[in-house]
Amino acid sequence: MRWVPLLRLMPVLLLMAGLVLACGGSDEEPTSTPSPQSLIDAAAARFNELDSAHYTLTIDGDVYLDSQGMLALRGAEGDLQRPDRATAKADIGFAGTTLSVNVVALGQEQYMTNFLTGRWERAPEDLDYNPAVVFDPERGIPGVLRDTRDVTLVGEENLDGASAYHLRGVVPQAAVAPMTGNAFQGDPIDFDLWIDRETSDIRKVVLHDTAAAQGATPATWTLVLSKHNEPVTIEKPAT
């Protein structure tokens, strides 16, 4: 009989335990998932604050630098300086081999090292790639961000030790043409974008062609940005 009072109290005890657990939880509000457009807007605002960055460009597929289709860009690495300066160490396919050349862009003026002598000279007038255009408010990354469509948030990913939002969508070919040297045939172009979760810095951009000229491989253009706002000085080379 001594257990009867305790049994009668069990419902009350269970109710009190539930209330304690409910009240004892974290007071933190659940973090809401940002919308894709808010992430794009934050990345655009942050990019407009940048004065410099280091970049690595990797290209899969056929991307030609000249109108004759003789010089194929394989990849490049260098520095960017606002508003319109850039350096590049570019790997270029020519006559069945890959050559490395150095490029300096000062606005619309470009200089590159001669394939044979290694000396600096003015780049050909029909050169279709200018890395300095990345900072251009209309023809560079800011213009691309404004024209993105059907953007979805894929999720959060670890990118070189930092958390980044991964976005995916499409962008008109005309928006990426100045930045990519008219490398793409399809319209629209598929894109993936990684934005640093803490700083809103653009960490990585991947553009994938949805078509290709007959006999060519659709191009994939991967741009990785790092060393955001680290000091950079880019001057005209001695020719």
C-alpha atoms as a PDB file:
ATOM      1  CA  MET A   1       0.000   0.000   0.000  1.00  0.00           C
ATOM      2  CA  ARG A   2       2.937   2.327   0.524  1.00  0.00           C
ATOM      3  CA  TRP A   3       3.489   2.546  -3.294  1.00  0.00           C
ATOM      4  CA  VAL A   4      -0.017   3.858  -4.009  1.00  0.00           C
ATOM      5  CA  PRO A   5       0.680   7.547  -3.219  1.00  0.00           C
ATOM      6  CA  LEU A   6       3.795   7.430  -5.402  1.00  0.00           C
ATOM      7  CA  LEU A   7       1.880   5.885  -8.303  1.00  0.00           C
ATOM      8  CA  ARG A   8      -0.733   8.577  -8.025  1.00  0.00           C
ATOM      9  CA  LEU A   9       1.976  11.231  -8.234  1.00  0.00           C
ATOM     10  CA  MET A  10       3.656   9.771 -11.361  1.00  0.00           C
ATOM     11  CA  PRO A  11       1.631  11.818 -13.916  1.00  0.00           C
ATOM     12  CA  VAL A  12       2.439  15.015 -12.047  1.00  0.00           C
ATOM     13  CA  LEU A  13       6.139  14.130 -11.838  1.00  0.00           C
ATOM     14  CA  LEU A  14       6.300  13.342 -15.561  1.00  0.00           C
ATOM     15  CA  LEU A  15       4.615  16.621 -16.420  1.00  0.00           C
ATOM     16  CA  MET A  16       7.061  18.559 -14.255  1.00  0.00           C
ATOM     17  CA  ALA A  17      10.015  16.764 -15.844  1.00  0.00           C
ATOM     18  CA  GLY A  18       8.782  17.713 -19.283  1.00  0.00           C
ATOM     19  CA  LEU A  19       8.453  21.339 -18.283  1.00  0.00           C
ATOM     20  CA  VAL A  20      11.970  21.366 -16.845  1.00  0.00           C
ATOM     21  CA  LEU A  21      13.403  19.933 -20.065  1.00  0.00           C
ATOM     22  CA  ALA A  22      11.501  22.401 -22.180  1.00  0.00           C
ATOM     23  CA  CYS A  23      12.630  25.365 -20.121  1.00  0.00           C
ATOM     24  CA  GLY A  24      16.173  24.149 -19.739  1.00  0.00           C
ATOM     25  CA  GLY A  25      16.964  24.143 -23.446  1.00  0.00           C
ATOM     26  CA  SER A  26      19.048  26.695 -25.292  1.00  0.00           C
ATOM     27  CA  ASP A  27      17.740  30.246 -25.421  1.00  0.00           C
ATOM     28  CA  GLU A  28      19.348  30.756 -28.858  1.00  0.00           C
ATOM     29  CA  GLU A  29      17.013  31.405 -31.732  1.00  0.00           C
ATOM     30  CA  PRO A  30      17.334  28.910 -34.577  1.00  0.00           C
ATOM     31  CA  THR A  31      19.479  30.292 -37.390  1.00  0.00           C
ATOM     32  CA  SER A  32      17.408  30.943 -40.485  1.00  0.00           C
ATOM     33  CA  THR A  33      18.755  29.861 -43.855  1.00  0.00           C
ATOM     34  CA  PRO A  34      19.618  32.919 -45.966  1.00  0.00           C
ATOM     35  CA  SER A  35      17.911  33.275 -49.312  1.00  0.00           C
ATOM     36  CA  PRO A  36      20.013  32.825 -52.475  1.00  0.00           C
ATOM     37  CA  GLN A  37      19.365  36.433 -53.496  1.00  0.00           C
ATOM     38  CA  SER A  38      20.485  37.799 -50.132  1.00  0.00           C
ATOM     39  CA  LEU A  39      23.736  35.846 -50.486  1.00  0.00           C
ATOM     40  CA  ILE A  40      24.263  37.187 -54.012  1.00  0.00           C
ATOM     41  CA  ASP A  41      23.631  40.740 -52.799  1.00  0.00           C
ATOM     42  CA  ALA A  42      26.063  40.360 -49.886  1.00  0.00           C
ATOM     43  CA  ALA A  43      28.741  38.915 -52.178  1.00  0.00           C
ATOM     44  CA  ALA A  44      28.288  41.765 -54.660  1.00  0.00           C
ATOM     45  CA  ALA A  45      28.587  44.379 -51.907  1.00  0.00           C
ATOM     46  CA  ARG A  46      31.695  42.730 -50.508  1.00  0.00           C
ATOM     47  CA  PHE A  47      33.279  42.382 -53.962  1.00  0.00           C
ATOM     48  CA  ASN A  48      32.817  46.104 -54.538  1.00  0.00           C
ATOM     49  CA  GLU A  49      34.958  46.707 -51.443  1.00  0.00           C
ATOM     50  CA  LEU A  50      37.888  44.682 -52.768  1.00  0.00           C
ATOM     51  CA  ASP A  51      40.985  46.438 -54.074  1.00  0.00           C
ATOM     52  CA  SER A  52      42.916  43.293 -54.940  1.00  0.00           C
ATOM     53  CA  ALA A  53      42.866  39.514 -55.033  1.00  0.00           C
ATOM     54  CA  HIS A  54      44.874  36.538 -56.202  1.00  0.00           C
ATOM     55  CA  TYR A  55      43.270  34.217 -58.729  1.00  0.00           C
ATOM     56  CA  THR A  56      43.738  30.795 -60.231  1.00  0.00           C
ATOM     57  CA  LEU A  57      41.937  29.978 -63.459  1.00  0.00           C
ATOM     58  CA  THR A  58      41.500  26.399 -64.644  1.00  0.00           C
ATOM     59  CA  ILE A  59      39.932  25.588 -68.003  1.00  0.00           C
ATOM     60  CA  ASP A  60      38.610  22.294 -69.298  1.00  0.00           C
ATOM     61  CA  GLY A  61      37.587  22.194 -72.942  1.00  0.00           C
ATOM     62  CA  ASP A  62      38.446  24.395 -75.899  1.00  0.00           C
ATOM     63  CA  VAL A  63      38.921  28.108 -75.171  1.00  0.00           C
ATOM     64  CA  TYR A  64      40.814  30.104 -77.800  1.00  0.00           C
ATOM     65  CA  LEU A  65      42.529  33.437 -77.288  1.00  0.00           C
ATOM     66  CA  ASP A  66      42.616  34.510 -80.923  1.00  0.00           C
ATOM     67  CA  SER A  67      40.102  34.702 -83.751  1.00  0.00           C
ATOM     68  CA  GLN A  68      42.038  32.110 -85.792  1.00  0.00           C
ATOM     69  CA  GLY A  69      41.751  29.441 -83.109  1.00  0.00           C
ATOM     70  CA  MET A  70      45.512  28.968 -82.901  1.00  0.00           C
ATOM     71  CA  LEU A  71      46.097  29.849 -79.242  1.00  0.00           C
ATOM     72  CA  ALA A  72      44.159  27.799 -76.678  1.00  0.00           C
ATOM     73  CA  LEU A  73      44.059  29.025 -73.079  1.00  0.00           C
ATOM     74  CA  ARG A  74      44.561  26.123 -70.654  1.00  0.00           C
ATOM     75  CA  GLY A  75      44.796  28.045 -67.392  1.00  0.00           C
ATOM     76  CA  ALA A  76      46.283  31.066 -65.663  1.00  0.00           C
ATOM     77  CA  GLU A  77      47.310  32.382 -62.263  1.00  0.00           C
ATOM     78  CA  GLY A  78      48.047  35.903 -61.117  1.00  0.00           C
ATOM     79  CA  ASP A  79      46.920  38.995 -59.259  1.00  0.00           C
ATOM     80  CA  LEU A  80      44.096  41.483 -59.760  1.00  0.00           C
ATOM     81  CA  GLN A  81      44.237  45.156 -58.798  1.00  0.00           C
ATOM     82  CA  ARG A  82      41.299  47.524 -58.960  1.00  0.00           C
ATOM     83  CA  PRO A  83      40.229  49.123 -61.136  1.00  0.00           C
ATOM     84  CA  ASP A  84      41.703  47.469 -64.235  1.00  0.00           C
ATOM     85  CA  ARG A  85      45.124  45.908 -63.691  1.00  0.00           C
ATOM     86  CA  ALA A  86      46.115  42.248 -63.688  1.00  0.00           C
ATOM     87  CA  THR A  87      48.992  39.847 -64.095  1.00  0.00           C
ATOM     88  CA  ALA A  88      48.860  36.315 -65.394  1.00  0.00           C
ATOM     89  CA  LYS A  89      51.153  33.387 -65.861  1.00  0.00           C
ATOM     90  CA  ALA A  90      49.184  31.615 -68.554  1.00  0.00           C
ATOM     91  CA  ASP A  91      49.459  28.147 -70.033  1.00  0.00           C
ATOM     92  CA  ILE A  92      48.679  28.316 -73.746  1.00  0.00           C
ATOM     93  CA  GLY A  93      48.258  25.463 -76.181  1.00  0.00           C
ATOM     94  CA  PHE A  94      49.932  26.096 -79.535  1.00  0.00           C
ATOM     95  CA  ALA A  95      50.760  23.696 -82.370  1.00  0.00           C
ATOM     96  CA  GLY A  96      50.277  20.619 -80.200  1.00  0.00           C
ATOM     97  CA  THR A  97      52.337  21.808 -77.252  1.00  0.00           C
ATOM     98  CA  THR A  98      51.727  23.876 -74.113  1.00  0.00           C
ATOM     99  CA  LEU A  99      53.700  27.059 -73.556  1.00  0.00           C
ATOM    100  CA  SER A 100      53.869  29.345 -70.526  1.00  0.00           C
ATOM    101  CA  VAL A 101      53.721  33.093 -71.053  1.00  0.00           C
ATOM    102  CA  ASN A 102      53.468  36.056 -68.719  1.00  0.00           C
ATOM    103  CA  VAL A 103      50.789  38.681 -69.260  1.00  0.00           C
ATOM    104  CA  VAL A 104      50.276  42.153 -67.782  1.00  0.00           C
ATOM    105  CA  ALA A 105      47.013  43.984 -68.387  1.00  0.00           C
ATOM    106  CA  LEU A 106      46.693  47.715 -67.766  1.00  0.00           C
ATOM    107  CA  GLY A 107      43.164  48.572 -68.748  1.00  0.00           C
ATOM    108  CA  GLN A 108      42.835  47.841 -72.451  1.00  0.00           C
ATOM    109  CA  GLU A 109      46.621  47.675 -72.919  1.00  0.00           C
ATOM    110  CA  GLN A 110      48.081  44.195 -72.642  1.00  0.00           C
ATOM    111  CA  TYR A 111      51.654  42.985 -72.710  1.00  0.00           C
ATOM    112  CA  MET A 112      52.929  39.438 -72.954  1.00  0.00           C
ATOM    113  CA  THR A 113      56.250  37.666 -73.182  1.00  0.00           C
ATOM    114  CA  ASN A 114      57.310  36.423 -76.598  1.00  0.00           C
ATOM    115  CA  PHE A 115      57.026  32.649 -77.023  1.00  0.00           C
ATOM    116  CA  LEU A 116      60.566  32.397 -78.395  1.00  0.00           C
ATOM    117  CA  THR A 117      62.607  35.185 -76.813  1.00  0.00           C
ATOM    118  CA  GLY A 118      60.802  35.656 -73.501  1.00  0.00           C
ATOM    119  CA  ARG A 119      60.916  39.423 -73.972  1.00  0.00           C
ATOM    120  CA  TRP A 120      57.960  41.665 -73.194  1.00  0.00           C
ATOM    121  CA  GLU A 121      55.983  43.060 -76.112  1.00  0.00           C
ATOM    122  CA  ARG A 122      52.515  44.376 -76.842  1.00  0.00           C
ATOM    123  CA  ALA A 123      49.928  41.602 -76.980  1.00  0.00           C
ATOM    124  CA  PRO A 124      48.131  40.945 -80.288  1.00  0.00           C
ATOM    125  CA  GLU A 125      45.162  43.216 -80.921  1.00  0.00           C
ATOM    126  CA  ASP A 126      42.793  40.261 -81.336  1.00  0.00           C
ATOM    127  CA  LEU A 127      43.688  38.696 -77.982  1.00  0.00           C
ATOM    128  CA  ASP A 128      40.321  37.666 -76.529  1.00  0.00           C
ATOM    129  CA  TYR A 129      41.273  37.341 -72.857  1.00  0.00           C
ATOM    130  CA  ASN A 130      41.896  40.181 -70.419  1.00  0.00           C
ATOM    131  CA  PRO A 131      42.003  39.110 -66.741  1.00  0.00           C
ATOM    132  CA  ALA A 132      41.675  42.739 -65.596  1.00  0.00           C
ATOM    133  CA  VAL A 133      38.026  42.792 -66.672  1.00  0.00           C
ATOM    134  CA  VAL A 134      37.075  40.843 -63.519  1.00  0.00           C
ATOM    135  CA  PHE A 135      36.719  44.108 -61.544  1.00  0.00           C
ATOM    136  CA  ASP A 136      34.773  45.914 -64.275  1.00  0.00           C
ATOM    137  CA  PRO A 137      31.371  46.933 -62.830  1.00  0.00           C
ATOM    138  CA  GLU A 138      29.529  46.058 -66.036  1.00  0.00           C
ATOM    139  CA  ARG A 139      31.609  43.403 -67.799  1.00  0.00           C
ATOM    140  CA  GLY A 140      33.165  41.622 -64.839  1.00  0.00           C
ATOM    141  CA  ILE A 141      31.930  39.719 -61.802  1.00  0.00           C
ATOM    142  CA  PRO A 142      29.551  42.515 -60.646  1.00  0.00           C
ATOM    143  CA  GLY A 143      27.710  42.318 -63.965  1.00  0.00           C
ATOM    144  CA  VAL A 144      27.527  38.535 -63.791  1.00  0.00           C
ATOM    145  CA  LEU A 145      26.043  38.646 -60.280  1.00  0.00           C
ATOM    146  CA  ARG A 146      23.351  41.088 -61.392  1.00  0.00           C
ATOM    147  CA  ASP A 147      22.283  38.813 -64.253  1.00  0.00           C
ATOM    148  CA  THR A 148      22.075  35.490 -62.408  1.00  0.00           C
ATOM    149  CA  ARG A 149      18.766  33.620 -62.702  1.00  0.00           C
ATOM    150  CA  ASP A 150      17.082  30.585 -61.143  1.00  0.00           C
ATOM    151  CA  VAL A 151      19.578  30.600 -58.277  1.00  0.00           C
ATOM    152  CA  THR A 152      19.276  27.889 -55.636  1.00  0.00           C
ATOM    153  CA  LEU A 153      21.217  27.239 -52.444  1.00  0.00           C
ATOM    154  CA  VAL A 154      22.874  23.837 -52.753  1.00  0.00           C
ATOM    155  CA  GLY A 155      24.109  23.922 -49.164  1.00  0.00           C
ATOM    156  CA  GLU A 156      27.142  24.720 -47.038  1.00  0.00           C
ATOM    157  CA  GLU A 157      30.505  23.180 -47.908  1.00  0.00           C
ATOM    158  CA  ASN A 158      34.049  23.253 -46.580  1.00  0.00           C
ATOM    159  CA  LEU A 159      36.299  25.076 -49.020  1.00  0.00           C
ATOM    160  CA  ASP A 160      39.973  25.098 -48.090  1.00  0.00           C
ATOM    161  CA  GLY A 161      39.154  24.986 -44.397  1.00  0.00           C
ATOM    162  CA  ALA A 162      36.419  27.629 -44.440  1.00  0.00           C
ATOM    163  CA  SER A 163      32.662  27.241 -44.575  1.00  0.00           C
ATOM    164  CA  ALA A 164      31.092  28.498 -47.793  1.00  0.00           C
ATOM    165  CA  TYR A 165      27.605  28.724 -49.251  1.00  0.00           C
ATOM    166  CA  HIS A 166      27.295  26.871 -52.549  1.00  0.00           C
ATOM    167  CA  LEU A 167      24.861  28.449 -55.021  1.00  0.00           C
ATOM    168  CA  ARG A 168      23.811  27.189 -58.447  1.00  0.00           C
ATOM    169  CA  GLY A 169      21.921  28.775 -61.333  1.00  0.00           C
ATOM    170  CA  VAL A 170      22.223  30.131 -64.861  1.00  0.00           C
ATOM    171  CA  VAL A 171      23.481  33.368 -66.372  1.00  0.00           C
ATOM    172  CA  PRO A 172      23.121  34.789 -69.904  1.00  0.00           C
ATOM    173  CA  GLN A 173      26.067  34.155 -72.207  1.00  0.00           C
ATOM    174  CA  ALA A 174      26.376  37.887 -72.885  1.00  0.00           C
ATOM    175  CA  ALA A 175      27.048  38.538 -69.181  1.00  0.00           C
ATOM    176  CA  VAL A 176      30.091  36.253 -69.035  1.00  0.00           C
ATOM    177  CA  ALA A 177      31.480  36.843 -72.545  1.00  0.00           C
ATOM    178  CA  PRO A 178      33.764  39.819 -71.700  1.00  0.00           C
ATOM    179  CA  MET A 179      35.254  38.039 -68.688  1.00  0.00           C
ATOM    180  CA  THR A 180      35.781  34.696 -70.415  1.00  0.00           C
ATOM    181  CA  GLY A 181      37.023  35.876 -73.786  1.00  0.00           C
ATOM    182  CA  ASN A 182      33.878  34.830 -75.648  1.00  0.00           C
ATOM    183  CA  ALA A 183      34.709  31.219 -74.813  1.00  0.00           C
ATOM    184  CA  PHE A 184      31.152  29.906 -74.503  1.00  0.00           C
ATOM    185  CA  GLN A 185      28.707  28.833 -77.197  1.00  0.00           C
ATOM    186  CA  GLY A 186      25.582  28.002 -75.190  1.00  0.00           C
ATOM    187  CA  ASP A 187      22.999  30.379 -73.797  1.00  0.00           C
ATOM    188  CA  PRO A 188      22.355  30.501 -70.897  1.00  0.00           C
ATOM    189  CA  ILE A 189      25.497  29.295 -69.125  1.00  0.00           C
ATOM    190  CA  ASP A 190      25.347  27.091 -66.027  1.00  0.00           C
ATOM    191  CA  PHE A 191      27.170  28.474 -63.013  1.00  0.00           C
ATOM    192  CA  ASP A 192      28.185  27.432 -59.501  1.00  0.00           C
ATOM    193  CA  LEU A 193      29.283  29.985 -56.931  1.00  0.00           C
ATOM    194  CA  TRP A 194      30.877  29.600 -53.497  1.00  0.00           C
ATOM    195  CA  ILE A 195      30.564  32.497 -51.038  1.00  0.00           C
ATOM    196  CA  ASP A 196      32.465  32.628 -47.744  1.00  0.00           C
ATOM    197  CA  ARG A 197      29.993  32.206 -44.888  1.00  0.00           C
ATOM    198  CA  GLU A 198      31.757  34.660 -42.584  1.00  0.00           C
ATOM    199  CA  THR A 199      33.055  37.373 -44.920  1.00  0.00           C
ATOM    200  CA  SER A 200      30.814  37.081 -48.011  1.00  0.00           C
ATOM    201  CA  ASP A 201      33.971  36.946 -50.139  1.00  0.00           C
ATOM    202  CA  ILE A 202      33.573  35.146 -53.445  1.00  0.00           C
ATOM    203  CA  ARG A 203      35.784  32.094 -53.141  1.00  0.00           C
ATOM    204  CA  LYS A 204      35.084  30.182 -56.322  1.00  0.00           C
ATOM    205  CA  VAL A 205      33.152  30.557 -59.589  1.00  0.00           C
ATOM    206  CA  VAL A 206      32.520  27.731 -62.053  1.00  0.00           C
ATOM    207  CA  LEU A 207      30.980  28.419 -65.467  1.00  0.00           C
ATOM    208  CA  HIS A 208      29.969  25.471 -67.618  1.00  0.00           C
ATOM    209  CA  ASP A 209      29.062  25.751 -71.280  1.00  0.00           C
ATOM    210  CA  THR A 210      25.817  24.147 -72.360  1.00  0.00           C
ATOM    211  CA  ALA A 211      26.887  23.825 -76.010  1.00  0.00           C
ATOM    212  CA  ALA A 212      30.014  23.722 -78.160  1.00  0.00           C
ATOM    213  CA  ALA A 213      31.087  24.275 -81.740  1.00  0.00           C
ATOM    214  CA  GLN A 214      31.134  21.160 -83.909  1.00  0.00           C
ATOM    215  CA  GLY A 215      34.033  18.936 -82.922  1.00  0.00           C
ATOM    216  CA  ALA A 216      34.881  21.010 -79.836  1.00  0.00           C
ATOM    217  CA  THR A 217      34.571  20.119 -76.149  1.00  0.00           C
ATOM    218  CA  PRO A 218      32.198  22.275 -74.061  1.00  0.00           C
ATOM    219  CA  ALA A 219      34.261  24.546 -71.850  1.00  0.00           C
ATOM    220  CA  THR A 220      34.283  24.627 -68.058  1.00  0.00           C
ATOM    221  CA  TRP A 221      35.853  27.752 -66.587  1.00  0.00           C
ATOM    222  CA  THR A 222      36.859  27.611 -62.899  1.00  0.00           C
ATOM    223  CA  LEU A 223      38.020  30.762 -61.131  1.00  0.00           C
ATOM    224  CA  VAL A 224      39.310  30.581 -57.547  1.00  0.00           C
ATOM    225  CA  LEU A 225      39.871  33.838 -55.658  1.00  0.00           C
ATOM    226  CA  SER A 226      42.102  34.149 -52.595  1.00  0.00           C
ATOM    227  CA  LYS A 227      44.255  36.673 -50.694  1.00  0.00           C
ATOM    228  CA  HIS A 228      41.377  39.135 -50.739  1.00  0.00           C
ATOM    229  CA  ASN A 229      42.581  42.735 -50.271  1.00  0.00           C
ATOM    230  CA  GLU A 230      46.228  41.809 -49.770  1.00  0.00           C
ATOM    231  CA  PRO A 231      48.538  44.539 -51.154  1.00  0.00           C
ATOM    232  CA  VAL A 232      49.384  44.228 -54.861  1.00  0.00           C
ATOM    233  CA  THR A 233      51.392  46.474 -57.186  1.00  0.00           C
ATOM    234  CA  ILE A 234      51.130  45.984 -60.951  1.00  0.00           C
ATOM    235  CA  GLU A 235      53.219  48.124 -63.300  1.00  0.00           C
ATOM    236  CA  LYS A 236      53.907  48.283 -67.018  1.00  0.00           C
ATOM    237  CA  PRO A 237      56.722  45.880 -67.965  1.00  0.00           C
ATOM    238  CA  ALA A 238      59.855  47.097 -69.725  1.00  0.00           C
ATOM    239  CA  THR A 239      59.533  46.441 -73.457  1.00  0.00           C
END
